[in-house]
Amino acid sequence: MTLRFYDTASAEVRDFVPLVPGKVSLYYCGATVQGMPHVGHIRSAIAFDQLTRWLEYRGFRVTVVRNVTDIDDKILAKSEASFHPDFEQEPGAVPEEEWWALAYRYEQEFLKAYDTLGVSRPTYEPRATGHIPEMHALIQQLIDRGHAYPALDGSGDVYFDVRSWNKYGALTRQKIDDMQGAADADPRGKKDPRDFALWKGYKEGEPTTASWVSPWGAGRPGWHLECSAMVTKYLGTEFDIHGGGLDLRFPHHENEMAQSQAAGHGFANFWMHNGMVTYQGEKMSKSVGNTVSPAEMLEIAPPRVVRYYLGQAQYRSVLDYQPTSLQEAAAAVERIDGFVARAVRALSNDGALLFGSDGTVPEAFAAAMDDDLNVPQALAALHDTVRAGNSALTDGDLTATRQALASVTDMLRVLGISEAAQPAVDDQATSALGTLIEAQLAARAEARSKKDWAASDAIRDTLAAAGVLVEDNADGATWSLQRG
């Protein structure tokens, strides 16, 4: 077994060897909770959930930290807008909402989306506002080492001096002189327009609840500093993997890496970035009107189908949304579920066969996941196993059927598809439904024996209208519930 992942910093696929044998430390950027989760947030969470699940399957103990940015310019701006007389209501928006209440409300929306789509809870999920002392300590370290300075205009800001760190730009392979100025503060207090804010001094009119006492005056932390302080607090000054969306490489991750390494920290051993989600080949944009949200997807398809779609591409590639995307994902999930339902029924009279499992995935699946999480190839192995399982059912080979079922179950668990939310099932209602369907199938079988094809077809059509899929085979008819 050799795990290999693409490292953005070195721009190559490298063998993954954890810093501590048997353990993996993973930090990936969570939400800035200033609005409802968008599809990019969820795709990123699913990608790193797949990574976590695969590392755990391979026997590693994985510590996952995913932050919540609950203080930020955008959060303050959204809260301020809610106090305006012509505040435009959005779903769930609250007029005259304090920034901290807004942030907490949207944090719950993110958790709901993560849970619905089967994203495992991290080991810990720190909030930026809970780590101000650690941020002060990091800023002081950078000042002491000559890499940061209080603003020259007396504003109370503190900036990172990008020209003091000769590796600045290494993550994205840029030269400082080719970069635009950092737009996080007025440049008049900076030595260089590209210097970015570590601390933002309090400004007249801002809520006093959004500022903290510091050695440089009241204010709040800069966005980039927050992550560096939180990851170091929980995973140490050097850890295995830092992840996030491709859009975070610059300036966020570039600045994180620079300030952390300038403070003397080894920081991330691997940088992993997931690709974007586009809409029919174009970048999603609210102004253009070509966005689709996770909530909108969940109105079209069940959570397992949405999870399948958002997790089906190789994590580094672009995932393009088309009007038929969820239909195609639903068809794939139905094929899997159809086999599972038929296999469970065929094996239900033999508990040893039904529940026996060697706990291993097929070799082709494992090889694909070891190779930089090649999920498309892993899904190909999953569907190959489903086809093999269906053939075993047709042949009456229950041993091969059991093995296929066990492998499919393991693969679904690794991919997180089986963990996505499903409607609650009432056991009594399910039992009653099964009895009624079996009675209808018995009546249909009798009609077919009398060559009463009209009656047979009518029963099948009635069941289909109720969402019950009937399939005829050499051993008689089987049924399954259609998904979606």
Protein backbone atom coordinates (compact mmCIF):
# COMPACT_ATOMS: atom_id res chain seq x y z
CA MET A 1 0.00 0.00 0.00
CA THR A 2 1.38 3.39 -1.09
CA LEU A 3 -0.81 6.43 -0.62
CA ARG A 4 -0.05 9.24 -3.05
CA PHE A 5 -1.55 12.73 -3.02
CA TYR A 6 -1.02 15.84 -5.10
CA ASP A 7 0.75 18.56 -3.11
CA THR A 8 -0.04 22.06 -4.36
CA ALA A 9 3.16 23.49 -2.85
CA SER A 10 5.48 21.16 -4.78
CA ALA A 11 3.08 20.80 -7.75
CA GLU A 12 3.54 17.03 -7.84
CA VAL A 13 1.95 13.82 -6.66
CA ARG A 14 4.01 12.59 -3.71
CA ASP A 15 4.03 9.54 -1.49
CA PHE A 16 2.15 10.31 1.69
CA VAL A 17 4.00 9.46 4.88
CA PRO A 18 2.46 10.94 8.06
CA LEU A 19 4.65 12.85 10.48
CA VAL A 20 3.62 10.45 13.27
CA PRO A 21 3.30 6.79 12.25
CA GLY A 22 -0.30 5.60 12.33
CA LYS A 23 -1.75 9.10 12.83
CA VAL A 24 -2.82 11.83 10.41
CA SER A 25 -3.47 15.48 11.26
CA LEU A 26 -5.79 17.25 8.80
CA TYR A 27 -6.99 20.85 8.77
CA TYR A 28 -9.34 22.14 6.13
CA CYS A 29 -10.96 25.53 5.79
CA GLY A 30 -14.58 25.65 6.84
CA ALA A 31 -17.12 28.36 6.31
CA THR A 32 -17.10 32.10 6.68
CA VAL A 33 -20.61 32.11 8.07
CA GLN A 34 -22.04 35.21 6.41
CA GLY A 35 -24.64 33.48 4.23
CA MET A 36 -26.21 30.18 3.26
CA PRO A 37 -23.82 27.41 2.20
CA HIS A 38 -23.13 27.29 -1.52
CA VAL A 39 -22.26 24.28 -3.60
CA GLY A 40 -18.53 25.03 -3.49
CA HIS A 41 -18.52 24.84 0.31
CA ILE A 42 -20.25 21.47 0.26
CA ARG A 43 -18.12 19.99 -2.49
CA SER A 44 -15.01 20.87 -0.49
CA ALA A 45 -16.40 19.31 2.68
CA ILE A 46 -17.33 16.13 0.80
CA ALA A 47 -13.86 15.89 -0.79
CA PHE A 48 -12.10 16.08 2.57
CA ASP A 49 -14.66 13.77 4.12
CA GLN A 50 -13.78 11.19 1.45
CA LEU A 51 -10.10 11.73 2.24
CA THR A 52 -10.74 11.23 5.96
CA ARG A 53 -12.81 8.09 5.40
CA TRP A 54 -10.15 6.58 3.16
CA LEU A 55 -7.33 7.34 5.59
CA GLU A 56 -9.37 5.74 8.36
CA TYR A 57 -10.09 2.72 6.18
CA ARG A 58 -6.35 2.39 5.64
CA GLY A 59 -5.91 2.16 9.39
CA PHE A 60 -4.86 5.69 10.34
CA ARG A 61 -6.19 7.56 13.33
CA VAL A 62 -7.23 10.87 11.79
CA THR A 63 -7.60 14.12 13.72
CA VAL A 64 -9.67 16.57 11.68
CA VAL A 65 -9.97 20.27 12.46
CA ARG A 66 -12.36 22.41 10.40
CA ASN A 67 -12.63 26.05 11.39
CA VAL A 68 -15.56 28.44 11.51
CA THR A 69 -14.76 32.04 10.55
CA ASP A 70 -17.34 33.86 12.66
CA ILE A 71 -15.83 37.36 12.54
CA ASP A 72 -15.10 38.94 9.16
CA ASP A 73 -15.76 42.10 7.13
CA LYS A 74 -18.51 40.31 5.15
CA ILE A 75 -20.30 39.20 8.31
CA LEU A 76 -20.26 42.77 9.68
CA ALA A 77 -21.46 44.17 6.33
CA LYS A 78 -24.33 41.67 6.13
CA SER A 79 -25.37 42.48 9.69
CA GLU A 80 -25.19 46.22 9.04
CA ALA A 81 -27.39 45.80 5.95
CA SER A 82 -30.05 44.08 8.06
CA PHE A 83 -30.56 47.35 9.97
CA HIS A 84 -31.22 49.32 6.77
CA PRO A 85 -34.88 50.30 6.11
CA ASP A 86 -34.96 48.73 2.65
CA PHE A 87 -33.11 45.59 3.73
CA GLU A 88 -33.84 42.91 1.14
CA GLN A 89 -35.01 39.73 2.81
CA GLU A 90 -33.34 36.50 1.79
CA PRO A 91 -34.48 33.04 2.94
CA GLY A 92 -34.02 32.92 6.70
CA ALA A 93 -32.77 36.51 6.96
CA VAL A 94 -33.57 38.40 10.17
CA PRO A 95 -34.05 42.21 10.23
CA GLU A 96 -31.86 44.12 12.69
CA GLU A 97 -29.71 41.10 13.41
CA GLU A 98 -26.50 41.49 15.39
CA TRP A 99 -23.40 40.18 13.64
CA TRP A 100 -22.80 37.43 16.18
CA ALA A 101 -26.39 36.19 15.91
CA LEU A 102 -26.17 36.21 12.11
CA ALA A 103 -22.92 34.24 12.19
CA TYR A 104 -24.33 31.67 14.58
CA ARG A 105 -27.52 31.25 12.56
CA TYR A 106 -25.62 30.58 9.36
CA GLU A 107 -23.20 28.27 11.19
CA GLN A 108 -26.21 26.08 12.02
CA GLU A 109 -27.25 26.08 8.36
CA PHE A 110 -23.82 24.78 7.40
CA LEU A 111 -23.99 22.04 10.01
CA LYS A 112 -27.43 21.04 8.77
CA ALA A 113 -26.16 20.79 5.18
CA TYR A 114 -23.06 18.82 6.22
CA ASP A 115 -25.14 16.38 8.27
CA THR A 116 -27.77 15.94 5.57
CA LEU A 117 -25.14 15.04 2.99
CA GLY A 118 -23.26 12.62 5.23
CA VAL A 119 -20.19 14.76 5.96
CA SER A 120 -18.69 13.43 9.20
CA ARG A 121 -18.32 15.88 12.05
CA PRO A 122 -14.67 16.91 12.51
CA THR A 123 -12.71 16.01 15.61
CA TYR A 124 -13.01 19.68 16.55
CA GLU A 125 -14.52 22.78 14.95
CA PRO A 126 -13.01 25.92 16.49
CA ARG A 127 -14.47 29.40 16.03
CA ALA A 128 -12.18 32.31 15.27
CA THR A 129 -13.68 34.45 18.05
CA GLY A 130 -12.60 31.88 20.62
CA HIS A 131 -8.88 32.19 19.81
CA ILE A 132 -7.99 35.87 20.11
CA PRO A 133 -5.14 35.29 22.65
CA GLU A 134 -3.46 32.79 20.30
CA MET A 135 -3.72 35.34 17.49
CA HIS A 136 -2.12 38.04 19.65
CA ALA A 137 0.75 35.68 20.46
CA LEU A 138 1.35 34.88 16.78
CA ILE A 139 1.32 38.56 15.80
CA GLN A 140 3.87 39.35 18.51
CA GLN A 141 6.09 36.51 17.29
CA LEU A 142 6.04 37.97 13.79
CA ILE A 143 6.81 41.49 15.05
CA ASP A 144 9.69 40.17 17.17
CA ARG A 145 11.13 38.29 14.18
CA GLY A 146 10.93 41.37 11.95
CA HIS A 147 8.09 40.14 9.71
CA ALA A 148 5.23 42.36 10.94
CA TYR A 149 4.73 45.97 12.00
CA PRO A 150 2.03 48.26 13.43
CA ALA A 151 0.47 50.47 10.75
CA LEU A 152 2.34 53.64 9.98
CA ASP A 153 -0.84 55.78 10.11
CA GLY A 154 -1.75 55.05 13.75
CA SER A 155 -4.92 53.20 12.73
CA GLY A 156 -4.26 50.29 15.06
CA ASP A 157 -3.79 47.87 12.16
CA VAL A 158 -0.86 45.44 12.14
CA TYR A 159 0.52 44.17 8.83
CA PHE A 160 2.65 41.30 7.60
CA ASP A 161 5.68 42.63 5.74
CA VAL A 162 5.68 40.51 2.58
CA ARG A 163 9.13 41.71 1.44
CA SER A 164 10.65 40.56 4.72
CA TRP A 165 9.89 36.95 3.80
CA ASN A 166 11.80 35.84 0.73
CA LYS A 167 9.54 32.80 0.21
CA TYR A 168 6.38 34.85 -0.16
CA GLY A 169 4.53 33.64 -3.26
CA ALA A 170 6.00 30.13 -3.09
CA LEU A 171 2.68 28.31 -2.78
CA THR A 172 1.22 29.85 -5.93
CA ARG A 173 4.58 30.41 -7.64
CA GLN A 174 4.18 34.18 -8.02
CA LYS A 175 6.63 37.05 -7.77
CA ILE A 176 5.75 39.84 -5.35
CA ASP A 177 6.10 42.54 -7.99
CA ASP A 178 3.50 40.78 -10.16
CA MET A 179 0.89 40.74 -7.38
CA GLN A 180 -1.87 43.25 -6.83
CA GLY A 181 -2.15 45.12 -3.56
CA ALA A 182 -3.96 43.42 -0.65
CA ALA A 183 -7.47 44.87 -0.51
CA ASP A 184 -8.04 44.15 3.18
CA ALA A 185 -7.19 47.64 4.50
CA ASP A 186 -6.38 51.18 3.36
CA PRO A 187 -2.84 51.05 1.89
CA ARG A 188 -1.79 54.39 3.39
CA GLY A 189 -0.59 52.71 6.57
CA LYS A 190 1.40 50.01 4.76
CA LYS A 191 5.04 49.83 3.76
CA ASP A 192 3.97 47.95 0.62
CA PRO A 193 0.42 47.76 -0.84
CA ARG A 194 0.76 43.96 -0.84
CA ASP A 195 1.26 43.76 2.93
CA PHE A 196 -1.80 42.10 4.44
CA ALA A 197 -3.59 42.73 7.72
CA LEU A 198 -2.90 40.58 10.75
CA TRP A 199 -4.94 42.86 13.01
CA LYS A 200 -7.56 45.45 12.05
CA GLY A 201 -7.94 48.46 14.31
CA TYR A 202 -11.40 49.44 15.50
CA LYS A 203 -13.12 52.08 13.34
CA GLU A 204 -15.79 54.54 14.37
CA GLY A 205 -19.27 53.16 13.72
CA GLU A 206 -18.34 49.51 13.98
CA PRO A 207 -20.05 47.45 16.70
CA THR A 208 -18.01 47.45 19.88
CA THR A 209 -18.83 43.76 20.26
CA ALA A 210 -16.73 43.12 17.14
CA SER A 211 -13.49 44.34 18.72
CA TRP A 212 -11.10 43.01 21.33
CA VAL A 213 -8.41 44.69 23.43
CA SER A 214 -4.90 44.13 22.08
CA PRO A 215 -1.37 45.51 22.56
CA TRP A 216 -1.92 47.52 19.36
CA GLY A 217 -5.34 48.89 20.25
CA ALA A 218 -8.91 47.62 20.07
CA GLY A 219 -9.72 45.71 16.92
CA ARG A 220 -10.29 42.31 15.37
CA PRO A 221 -8.13 39.68 13.64
CA GLY A 222 -7.35 39.52 9.95
CA TRP A 223 -8.85 36.55 8.08
CA HIS A 224 -5.57 34.85 7.22
CA LEU A 225 -4.22 35.06 10.75
CA GLU A 226 -7.24 33.24 12.18
CA CYS A 227 -6.51 29.93 10.49
CA SER A 228 -2.81 29.94 11.33
CA ALA A 229 -3.56 30.49 15.02
CA MET A 230 -6.27 27.84 15.19
CA VAL A 231 -4.48 25.07 13.35
CA THR A 232 -1.32 25.60 15.42
CA LYS A 233 -3.37 25.50 18.63
CA TYR A 234 -4.80 22.06 17.89
CA LEU A 235 -2.46 20.32 15.44
CA GLY A 236 0.86 21.90 16.36
CA THR A 237 3.37 23.97 14.43
CA GLU A 238 3.79 21.18 11.87
CA PHE A 239 1.03 18.88 10.68
CA ASP A 240 0.24 16.55 7.79
CA ILE A 241 -2.38 18.10 5.50
CA HIS A 242 -3.96 21.51 4.95
CA GLY A 243 -6.95 21.52 2.62
CA GLY A 244 -9.50 23.80 1.07
CA GLY A 245 -11.04 24.99 -2.18
CA LEU A 246 -8.85 25.99 -5.10
CA ASP A 247 -10.12 29.57 -4.79
CA LEU A 248 -8.41 29.82 -1.38
CA ARG A 249 -4.88 29.25 -2.69
CA PHE A 250 -4.36 33.00 -3.08
CA PRO A 251 -4.37 35.08 -1.10
CA HIS A 252 -5.66 33.07 1.87
CA HIS A 253 -3.43 30.00 1.88
CA GLU A 254 -0.43 31.86 0.48
CA ASN A 255 -0.68 34.27 3.39
CA GLU A 256 -1.30 31.52 5.93
CA MET A 257 1.82 29.68 4.80
CA ALA A 258 3.96 32.82 4.75
CA GLN A 259 3.03 34.12 8.21
CA SER A 260 3.26 30.66 9.80
CA GLN A 261 6.63 29.78 8.31
CA ALA A 262 7.93 33.28 9.03
CA ALA A 263 7.01 32.63 12.68
CA GLY A 264 9.28 29.57 12.57
CA HIS A 265 6.61 26.91 12.05
CA GLY A 266 7.02 24.03 9.63
CA PHE A 267 3.25 24.21 9.03
CA ALA A 268 1.59 21.91 6.45
CA ASN A 269 3.45 18.96 4.95
CA PHE A 270 0.86 18.65 2.16
CA TRP A 271 -1.43 21.27 0.64
CA MET A 272 -4.52 19.75 -1.01
CA HIS A 273 -7.08 21.78 -2.96
CA ASN A 274 -10.37 20.69 -4.46
CA GLY A 275 -11.63 22.03 -7.78
CA MET A 276 -14.55 24.34 -8.41
CA VAL A 277 -18.14 23.62 -9.43
CA THR A 278 -19.25 25.26 -12.67
CA TYR A 279 -22.67 25.65 -14.30
CA GLN A 280 -22.76 24.34 -17.86
CA GLY A 281 -19.10 25.21 -18.30
CA GLU A 282 -19.33 28.70 -16.80
CA LYS A 283 -18.27 29.99 -13.41
CA MET A 284 -21.24 30.22 -11.06
CA SER A 285 -22.21 33.81 -10.27
CA LYS A 286 -25.21 35.31 -8.52
CA SER A 287 -24.99 38.37 -10.77
CA VAL A 288 -25.24 36.18 -13.87
CA GLY A 289 -27.97 34.04 -12.30
CA ASN A 290 -26.35 30.69 -13.05
CA THR A 291 -26.00 29.38 -9.50
CA VAL A 292 -27.51 26.29 -7.93
CA SER A 293 -27.42 25.86 -4.17
CA PRO A 294 -27.28 22.66 -2.12
CA ALA A 295 -30.81 23.47 -0.92
CA GLU A 296 -32.02 23.66 -4.52
CA MET A 297 -30.33 20.37 -5.35
CA LEU A 298 -32.01 18.74 -2.35
CA GLU A 299 -35.39 19.88 -3.67
CA ILE A 300 -34.66 17.96 -6.88
CA ALA A 301 -33.04 14.81 -5.50
CA PRO A 302 -32.57 12.91 -2.22
CA PRO A 303 -29.43 13.57 -0.14
CA ARG A 304 -27.71 10.33 -1.25
CA VAL A 305 -28.09 11.33 -4.90
CA VAL A 306 -26.76 14.85 -4.23
CA ARG A 307 -23.85 13.35 -2.26
CA TYR A 308 -23.11 10.95 -5.14
CA TYR A 309 -23.11 13.81 -7.65
CA LEU A 310 -20.96 16.21 -5.63
CA GLY A 311 -18.46 13.47 -4.77
CA GLN A 312 -18.22 11.67 -8.11
CA ALA A 313 -15.38 13.63 -9.72
CA GLN A 314 -11.70 13.48 -8.87
CA TYR A 315 -11.39 16.11 -6.16
CA ARG A 316 -8.89 18.31 -8.05
CA SER A 317 -10.98 18.48 -11.23
CA VAL A 318 -13.76 20.87 -12.14
CA LEU A 319 -17.24 19.48 -11.48
CA ASP A 320 -19.66 20.83 -14.09
CA TYR A 321 -23.35 21.00 -13.24
CA GLN A 322 -25.79 20.29 -16.06
CA PRO A 323 -29.61 20.19 -15.92
CA THR A 324 -29.41 16.38 -16.22
CA SER A 325 -26.62 15.89 -13.65
CA LEU A 326 -28.83 14.86 -10.74
CA GLN A 327 -30.95 12.61 -12.95
CA GLU A 328 -27.82 10.76 -14.04
CA ALA A 329 -26.64 10.49 -10.44
CA ALA A 330 -30.08 9.22 -9.40
CA ALA A 331 -29.95 6.51 -12.08
CA ALA A 332 -26.52 5.40 -10.80
CA VAL A 333 -27.72 5.28 -7.19
CA GLU A 334 -30.86 3.36 -8.24
CA ARG A 335 -28.72 0.70 -9.93
CA ILE A 336 -26.73 0.28 -6.73
CA ASP A 337 -29.82 0.26 -4.51
CA GLY A 338 -31.60 -2.14 -6.81
CA PHE A 339 -28.83 -4.70 -6.46
CA VAL A 340 -28.61 -4.21 -2.69
CA ALA A 341 -32.36 -4.70 -2.27
CA ARG A 342 -32.42 -7.85 -4.42
CA ALA A 343 -29.33 -9.27 -2.73
CA VAL A 344 -30.74 -8.70 0.76
CA ARG A 345 -34.00 -10.45 -0.20
CA ALA A 346 -32.16 -13.38 -1.78
CA LEU A 347 -29.93 -13.79 1.27
CA SER A 348 -32.54 -13.04 3.93
CA ASN A 349 -33.11 -16.71 4.72
CA ASP A 350 -29.47 -17.23 5.59
CA GLY A 351 -28.21 -14.82 8.26
CA ALA A 352 -24.62 -15.97 7.91
CA LEU A 353 -24.65 -15.19 4.21
CA LEU A 354 -26.47 -11.88 4.62
CA PHE A 355 -24.31 -10.38 7.33
CA GLY A 356 -20.94 -12.02 6.68
CA SER A 357 -18.28 -9.59 5.40
CA ASP A 358 -14.53 -9.71 5.14
CA GLY A 359 -14.43 -5.92 5.51
CA THR A 360 -12.39 -5.32 2.37
CA VAL A 361 -13.02 -3.35 -0.79
CA PRO A 362 -12.01 -4.66 -4.23
CA GLU A 363 -8.39 -4.23 -5.21
CA ALA A 364 -9.30 -1.92 -8.10
CA PHE A 365 -11.22 0.36 -5.74
CA ALA A 366 -8.34 0.49 -3.25
CA ALA A 367 -5.78 1.19 -5.98
CA ALA A 368 -7.90 4.07 -7.27
CA MET A 369 -8.35 5.65 -3.84
CA ASP A 370 -4.65 5.26 -3.02
CA ASP A 371 -3.85 7.13 -6.24
CA ASP A 372 -4.73 10.69 -5.16
CA LEU A 373 -8.34 9.77 -4.39
CA ASN A 374 -9.29 8.80 -7.94
CA VAL A 375 -13.00 8.56 -7.16
CA PRO A 376 -14.15 8.12 -10.80
CA GLN A 377 -12.08 4.93 -11.03
CA ALA A 378 -13.29 3.87 -7.59
CA LEU A 379 -16.90 4.33 -8.72
CA ALA A 380 -16.15 2.25 -11.82
CA ALA A 381 -15.02 -0.56 -9.49
CA LEU A 382 -18.21 -0.11 -7.44
CA HIS A 383 -20.46 -0.44 -10.49
CA ASP A 384 -18.43 -3.40 -11.79
CA THR A 385 -19.11 -5.12 -8.47
CA VAL A 386 -22.83 -4.32 -8.74
CA ARG A 387 -22.93 -5.90 -12.21
CA ALA A 388 -21.06 -8.96 -10.95
CA GLY A 389 -23.48 -9.20 -8.04
CA ASN A 390 -26.49 -9.07 -10.35
CA SER A 391 -24.98 -11.84 -12.47
CA ALA A 392 -24.43 -13.94 -9.34
CA LEU A 393 -28.07 -13.43 -8.38
CA THR A 394 -29.19 -14.56 -11.82
CA ASP A 395 -26.98 -17.65 -11.52
CA GLY A 396 -28.25 -18.38 -8.01
CA ASP A 397 -24.72 -18.13 -6.60
CA LEU A 398 -25.46 -16.88 -3.09
CA THR A 399 -21.83 -17.00 -1.95
CA ALA A 400 -20.76 -14.67 -4.76
CA THR A 401 -23.83 -12.54 -4.12
CA ARG A 402 -22.88 -12.15 -0.45
CA GLN A 403 -19.33 -11.18 -1.33
CA ALA A 404 -20.55 -8.58 -3.84
CA LEU A 405 -23.02 -7.19 -1.31
CA ALA A 406 -20.33 -6.95 1.37
CA SER A 407 -17.96 -5.18 -1.02
CA VAL A 408 -20.62 -2.75 -2.24
CA THR A 409 -21.57 -1.94 1.36
CA ASP A 410 -17.93 -1.25 2.26
CA MET A 411 -17.40 0.96 -0.78
CA LEU A 412 -20.56 2.96 -0.12
CA ARG A 413 -19.40 3.53 3.46
CA VAL A 414 -15.95 4.71 2.36
CA LEU A 415 -17.51 7.13 -0.15
CA GLY A 416 -19.98 8.36 2.46
CA ILE A 417 -22.99 7.60 0.26
CA SER A 418 -24.62 5.29 2.78
CA GLU A 419 -24.29 7.97 5.50
CA ALA A 420 -26.21 10.69 3.64
CA ALA A 421 -29.62 11.31 5.18
CA GLN A 422 -32.48 9.04 4.23
CA PRO A 423 -36.17 9.44 5.09
CA ALA A 424 -37.07 7.89 8.42
CA VAL A 425 -38.56 4.44 7.99
CA ASP A 426 -41.41 3.12 10.10
CA ASP A 427 -40.76 -0.62 10.50
CA GLN A 428 -44.43 -1.47 10.88
CA ALA A 429 -45.36 0.55 7.80
CA THR A 430 -42.54 -1.05 5.84
CA SER A 431 -43.70 -4.54 6.84
CA ALA A 432 -47.27 -3.71 5.83
CA LEU A 433 -46.10 -2.27 2.52
CA GLY A 434 -44.08 -5.38 1.77
CA THR A 435 -47.07 -7.62 2.51
CA LEU A 436 -49.32 -5.61 0.19
CA ILE A 437 -46.76 -5.59 -2.63
CA GLU A 438 -46.17 -9.33 -2.33
CA ALA A 439 -49.94 -9.89 -2.53
CA GLN A 440 -50.07 -7.80 -5.70
CA LEU A 441 -47.18 -9.76 -7.19
CA ALA A 442 -48.92 -13.05 -6.34
CA ALA A 443 -52.06 -11.83 -8.12
CA ARG A 444 -49.93 -10.76 -11.08
CA ALA A 445 -48.22 -14.16 -11.19
CA GLU A 446 -51.62 -15.85 -11.26
CA ALA A 447 -52.77 -13.58 -14.09
CA ARG A 448 -49.63 -14.38 -16.06
CA SER A 449 -50.15 -18.10 -15.53
CA LYS A 450 -53.60 -17.68 -17.14
CA LYS A 451 -52.04 -15.57 -19.91
CA ASP A 452 -54.18 -12.62 -18.79
CA TRP A 453 -51.58 -10.11 -19.93
CA ALA A 454 -53.90 -7.13 -19.55
CA ALA A 455 -54.45 -7.84 -15.85
CA SER A 456 -50.74 -8.53 -15.36
CA ASP A 457 -49.76 -5.26 -17.00
CA ALA A 458 -52.37 -3.34 -15.03
CA ILE A 459 -50.96 -4.59 -11.71
CA ARG A 460 -47.42 -3.72 -12.80
CA ASP A 461 -48.50 -0.23 -13.91
CA THR A 462 -50.31 0.37 -10.61
CA LEU A 463 -47.22 -0.59 -8.64
CA ALA A 464 -45.02 1.59 -10.88
CA ALA A 465 -47.32 4.57 -10.31
CA ALA A 466 -46.84 4.01 -6.57
CA GLY A 467 -43.04 4.06 -6.95
CA VAL A 468 -42.51 0.28 -6.91
CA LEU A 469 -40.20 -1.07 -9.62
CA VAL A 470 -41.00 -4.66 -10.69
CA GLU A 471 -38.41 -6.75 -12.51
CA ASP A 472 -39.06 -10.20 -14.00
CA ASN A 473 -36.38 -12.88 -14.01
CA ALA A 474 -36.07 -16.64 -14.27
CA ASP A 475 -37.01 -17.12 -10.61
CA GLY A 476 -40.08 -14.85 -10.75
CA ALA A 477 -40.66 -11.17 -10.10
CA THR A 478 -38.71 -9.00 -7.66
CA TRP A 479 -39.49 -5.49 -6.54
CA SER A 480 -37.71 -2.42 -5.20
CA LEU A 481 -38.71 1.12 -4.29
CA GLN A 482 -37.74 3.74 -6.84
CA ARG A 483 -35.60 6.52 -5.35
CA GLY A 484 -36.09 10.23 -5.79
